[in-house]
Amino acid sequence: MLVLLPFISDIHLKEPVGIAESLHNLSLVKDFCTGHLPANGYIFTAEDLLYASDSIKPSLLAFLTQLFHYFFLAPLDIVKPRVKLSGK
């Protein structure tokens, strides 16, 4: 598992997630991408992701692939491995 900065604690995860919480979460993702990724692949508007049509899905998959690359395949300095507790 990986731990990413304090952004995780700011994400709204209550059930159900409303429009305001979704917009807040999307702004956190956008801020994270523009501030911490070497190539800003976040090209979406809030409407693109809230009301994703079939035409936007390839771009969304490419973005998620880029995040996977930065977090798992070639981790950036901001990605820290979680320390396992001994004996568990």
N, C-alpha and C. Protein backbone atom coordinates (compact mmCIF):
# COMPACT_ATOMS: atom_id res chain seq x y z
N MET A 1 0.84 -1.19 0.00
CA MET A 1 0.00 0.00 0.00
C MET A 1 0.88 1.25 0.00
N LEU A 2 0.31 2.31 -0.48
CA LEU A 2 1.04 3.57 -0.55
C LEU A 2 0.31 4.64 0.24
N VAL A 3 1.07 5.56 0.74
CA VAL A 3 0.50 6.68 1.47
C VAL A 3 0.81 7.96 0.70
N LEU A 4 -0.19 8.75 0.42
CA LEU A 4 -0.03 9.99 -0.32
C LEU A 4 -0.34 11.18 0.56
N LEU A 5 0.63 11.91 0.95
CA LEU A 5 0.47 13.20 1.63
C LEU A 5 -0.85 13.33 2.38
N PRO A 6 -1.14 14.48 2.90
CA PRO A 6 -2.38 14.66 3.66
C PRO A 6 -3.63 14.85 2.81
N PHE A 7 -3.52 14.74 1.48
CA PHE A 7 -4.70 14.92 0.64
C PHE A 7 -5.80 13.91 0.95
N ILE A 8 -5.41 12.74 1.34
CA ILE A 8 -6.37 11.68 1.60
C ILE A 8 -7.36 12.08 2.69
N SER A 9 -6.89 12.75 3.72
CA SER A 9 -7.77 13.12 4.83
C SER A 9 -8.77 14.20 4.44
N ASP A 10 -8.53 14.92 3.35
CA ASP A 10 -9.44 15.98 2.92
C ASP A 10 -10.56 15.48 2.00
N ILE A 11 -10.46 14.25 1.53
CA ILE A 11 -11.44 13.73 0.59
C ILE A 11 -12.72 13.36 1.33
N HIS A 12 -13.84 13.74 0.74
CA HIS A 12 -15.16 13.42 1.30
C HIS A 12 -15.60 12.06 0.79
N LEU A 13 -15.87 11.14 1.72
CA LEU A 13 -16.23 9.78 1.34
C LEU A 13 -17.56 9.33 1.94
N LYS A 14 -18.36 10.25 2.43
CA LYS A 14 -19.62 9.83 3.04
C LYS A 14 -20.55 9.24 1.99
N GLU A 15 -21.48 8.45 2.44
CA GLU A 15 -22.45 7.82 1.55
C GLU A 15 -23.80 8.50 1.71
N PRO A 16 -24.49 8.87 0.70
CA PRO A 16 -24.01 9.01 -0.68
C PRO A 16 -23.22 10.31 -0.84
N VAL A 17 -22.33 10.32 -1.79
CA VAL A 17 -21.54 11.52 -2.07
C VAL A 17 -22.37 12.43 -2.97
N GLY A 18 -22.61 13.65 -2.50
CA GLY A 18 -23.41 14.60 -3.25
C GLY A 18 -22.57 15.38 -4.25
N ILE A 19 -23.23 16.27 -4.98
CA ILE A 19 -22.57 17.08 -6.00
C ILE A 19 -21.49 17.98 -5.36
N ALA A 20 -21.81 18.61 -4.24
CA ALA A 20 -20.84 19.50 -3.59
C ALA A 20 -19.59 18.73 -3.16
N GLU A 21 -19.78 17.54 -2.58
CA GLU A 21 -18.63 16.73 -2.17
C GLU A 21 -17.83 16.26 -3.38
N SER A 22 -18.53 15.89 -4.45
CA SER A 22 -17.86 15.46 -5.68
C SER A 22 -17.02 16.58 -6.27
N LEU A 23 -17.57 17.79 -6.30
CA LEU A 23 -16.81 18.94 -6.80
C LEU A 23 -15.59 19.22 -5.94
N HIS A 24 -15.75 19.10 -4.62
CA HIS A 24 -14.63 19.29 -3.70
C HIS A 24 -13.54 18.25 -3.98
N ASN A 25 -13.93 16.99 -4.11
CA ASN A 25 -12.96 15.93 -4.38
C ASN A 25 -12.25 16.14 -5.71
N LEU A 26 -12.99 16.55 -6.73
CA LEU A 26 -12.38 16.80 -8.05
C LEU A 26 -11.40 17.96 -7.99
N SER A 27 -11.72 18.98 -7.19
CA SER A 27 -10.78 20.10 -7.07
C SER A 27 -9.50 19.65 -6.35
N LEU A 28 -9.62 18.74 -5.39
CA LEU A 28 -8.43 18.19 -4.73
C LEU A 28 -7.57 17.40 -5.70
N VAL A 29 -8.20 16.61 -6.56
CA VAL A 29 -7.46 15.84 -7.56
C VAL A 29 -6.75 16.79 -8.52
N LYS A 30 -7.46 17.80 -8.97
CA LYS A 30 -6.86 18.77 -9.89
C LYS A 30 -5.68 19.49 -9.23
N ASP A 31 -5.85 19.95 -8.00
CA ASP A 31 -4.77 20.63 -7.28
C ASP A 31 -3.57 19.71 -7.09
N PHE A 32 -3.82 18.45 -6.74
CA PHE A 32 -2.75 17.49 -6.58
C PHE A 32 -1.98 17.29 -7.88
N CYS A 33 -2.70 17.12 -8.97
CA CYS A 33 -2.05 16.88 -10.27
C CYS A 33 -1.23 18.08 -10.72
N THR A 34 -1.77 19.27 -10.59
CA THR A 34 -1.04 20.45 -11.04
C THR A 34 0.14 20.77 -10.13
N GLY A 35 0.06 20.40 -8.86
CA GLY A 35 1.12 20.74 -7.92
C GLY A 35 2.19 19.68 -7.73
N HIS A 36 1.89 18.42 -8.10
CA HIS A 36 2.82 17.35 -7.74
C HIS A 36 3.22 16.43 -8.88
N LEU A 37 2.51 16.42 -9.98
CA LEU A 37 2.88 15.53 -11.08
C LEU A 37 3.75 16.27 -12.08
N PRO A 38 4.75 15.60 -12.65
CA PRO A 38 5.65 16.27 -13.59
C PRO A 38 4.95 16.72 -14.86
N ALA A 39 3.99 15.97 -15.31
CA ALA A 39 3.21 16.35 -16.50
C ALA A 39 1.75 16.41 -16.07
N ASN A 40 1.16 17.57 -16.15
CA ASN A 40 -0.23 17.73 -15.72
C ASN A 40 -1.15 17.08 -16.74
N GLY A 41 -1.61 15.88 -16.42
CA GLY A 41 -2.52 15.17 -17.30
C GLY A 41 -3.98 15.42 -16.99
N TYR A 42 -4.23 16.30 -16.03
CA TYR A 42 -5.61 16.59 -15.64
C TYR A 42 -6.16 17.63 -16.61
N ILE A 43 -6.89 17.17 -17.60
CA ILE A 43 -7.41 18.04 -18.66
C ILE A 43 -8.92 18.18 -18.60
N PHE A 44 -9.51 17.75 -17.51
CA PHE A 44 -10.96 17.65 -17.42
C PHE A 44 -11.59 18.86 -16.75
N THR A 45 -12.84 19.09 -17.08
CA THR A 45 -13.66 20.02 -16.31
C THR A 45 -14.49 19.19 -15.34
N ALA A 46 -15.07 19.82 -14.36
CA ALA A 46 -15.90 19.10 -13.40
C ALA A 46 -17.05 18.40 -14.11
N GLU A 47 -17.64 19.05 -15.10
CA GLU A 47 -18.75 18.47 -15.84
C GLU A 47 -18.33 17.22 -16.60
N ASP A 48 -17.09 17.22 -17.11
CA ASP A 48 -16.58 16.04 -17.82
C ASP A 48 -16.66 14.80 -16.94
N LEU A 49 -16.29 14.94 -15.69
CA LEU A 49 -16.22 13.79 -14.81
C LEU A 49 -17.53 13.50 -14.08
N LEU A 50 -18.30 14.53 -13.80
CA LEU A 50 -19.59 14.30 -13.14
C LEU A 50 -20.60 13.65 -14.07
N TYR A 51 -20.55 14.04 -15.33
CA TYR A 51 -21.53 13.54 -16.30
C TYR A 51 -20.80 12.85 -17.44
N ALA A 52 -19.87 11.97 -17.12
CA ALA A 52 -19.00 11.36 -18.12
C ALA A 52 -19.80 10.63 -19.19
N SER A 53 -19.58 11.06 -20.42
CA SER A 53 -20.20 10.37 -21.54
C SER A 53 -19.21 9.34 -22.08
N ASP A 54 -19.67 8.52 -23.00
CA ASP A 54 -18.79 7.50 -23.58
C ASP A 54 -17.60 8.11 -24.29
N SER A 55 -17.74 9.32 -24.82
CA SER A 55 -16.65 9.93 -25.58
C SER A 55 -15.48 10.38 -24.69
N ILE A 56 -15.72 10.61 -23.41
CA ILE A 56 -14.65 11.06 -22.51
C ILE A 56 -13.93 9.89 -21.84
N LYS A 57 -14.51 8.70 -21.89
CA LYS A 57 -13.94 7.56 -21.18
C LYS A 57 -12.52 7.19 -21.62
N PRO A 58 -12.14 7.24 -22.91
CA PRO A 58 -10.74 6.96 -23.25
C PRO A 58 -9.76 7.95 -22.61
N SER A 59 -10.13 9.22 -22.54
CA SER A 59 -9.27 10.21 -21.90
C SER A 59 -9.17 9.96 -20.40
N LEU A 60 -10.27 9.57 -19.80
CA LEU A 60 -10.27 9.26 -18.37
C LEU A 60 -9.40 8.03 -18.09
N LEU A 61 -9.49 7.02 -18.93
CA LEU A 61 -8.65 5.83 -18.76
C LEU A 61 -7.17 6.16 -18.94
N ALA A 62 -6.85 7.04 -19.87
CA ALA A 62 -5.46 7.46 -20.07
C ALA A 62 -4.96 8.21 -18.83
N PHE A 63 -5.79 9.04 -18.24
CA PHE A 63 -5.42 9.77 -17.02
C PHE A 63 -5.18 8.80 -15.87
N LEU A 64 -6.07 7.83 -15.69
CA LEU A 64 -5.90 6.85 -14.62
C LEU A 64 -4.65 6.00 -14.84
N THR A 65 -4.35 5.69 -16.10
CA THR A 65 -3.13 4.96 -16.42
C THR A 65 -1.90 5.77 -16.05
N GLN A 66 -1.95 7.07 -16.31
CA GLN A 66 -0.83 7.95 -15.95
C GLN A 66 -0.64 7.97 -14.43
N LEU A 67 -1.73 8.05 -13.68
CA LEU A 67 -1.64 8.02 -12.22
C LEU A 67 -1.05 6.69 -11.74
N PHE A 68 -1.50 5.58 -12.32
CA PHE A 68 -0.97 4.27 -11.96
C PHE A 68 0.54 4.24 -12.20
N HIS A 69 0.98 4.78 -13.31
CA HIS A 69 2.40 4.83 -13.63
C HIS A 69 3.17 5.61 -12.56
N TYR A 70 2.66 6.79 -12.20
CA TYR A 70 3.35 7.63 -11.22
C TYR A 70 3.32 7.06 -9.81
N PHE A 71 2.32 6.27 -9.47
CA PHE A 71 2.20 5.74 -8.11
C PHE A 71 2.84 4.38 -7.93
N PHE A 72 2.83 3.53 -8.97
CA PHE A 72 3.27 2.16 -8.81
C PHE A 72 4.49 1.78 -9.66
N LEU A 73 4.51 2.17 -10.91
CA LEU A 73 5.59 1.73 -11.80
C LEU A 73 6.84 2.58 -11.67
N ALA A 74 6.69 3.87 -11.60
CA ALA A 74 7.81 4.79 -11.45
C ALA A 74 7.44 5.81 -10.38
N PRO A 75 7.40 5.36 -9.11
CA PRO A 75 6.90 6.22 -8.04
C PRO A 75 7.67 7.55 -7.94
N LEU A 76 6.91 8.60 -7.75
CA LEU A 76 7.48 9.92 -7.52
C LEU A 76 7.95 10.04 -6.08
N ASP A 77 8.67 11.09 -5.77
CA ASP A 77 9.16 11.32 -4.41
C ASP A 77 8.04 11.49 -3.40
N ILE A 78 6.87 11.90 -3.85
CA ILE A 78 5.75 12.12 -2.94
C ILE A 78 5.08 10.82 -2.51
N VAL A 79 5.39 9.72 -3.18
CA VAL A 79 4.80 8.42 -2.87
C VAL A 79 5.74 7.70 -1.91
N LYS A 80 5.23 7.38 -0.74
CA LYS A 80 6.02 6.70 0.28
C LYS A 80 5.41 5.33 0.57
N PRO A 81 6.24 4.28 0.64
CA PRO A 81 5.69 2.96 1.00
C PRO A 81 5.22 2.95 2.44
N ARG A 82 4.13 2.27 2.68
CA ARG A 82 3.63 2.13 4.04
C ARG A 82 4.49 1.12 4.78
N VAL A 83 4.86 1.43 6.00
CA VAL A 83 5.70 0.56 6.79
C VAL A 83 4.82 -0.52 7.42
N LYS A 84 5.20 -1.78 7.22
CA LYS A 84 4.45 -2.89 7.81
C LYS A 84 4.82 -3.03 9.27
N LEU A 85 3.81 -3.34 10.09
CA LEU A 85 4.05 -3.58 11.50
C LEU A 85 4.61 -4.99 11.66
N SER A 86 5.62 -5.15 12.47
CA SER A 86 6.22 -6.46 12.66
C SER A 86 5.29 -7.35 13.49
N GLY A 87 5.25 -8.63 13.11
CA GLY A 87 4.45 -9.58 13.86
C GLY A 87 2.97 -9.61 13.49
N LYS A 88 2.60 -8.88 12.44
CA LYS A 88 1.17 -8.88 12.04
C LYS A 88 1.05 -9.21 10.59
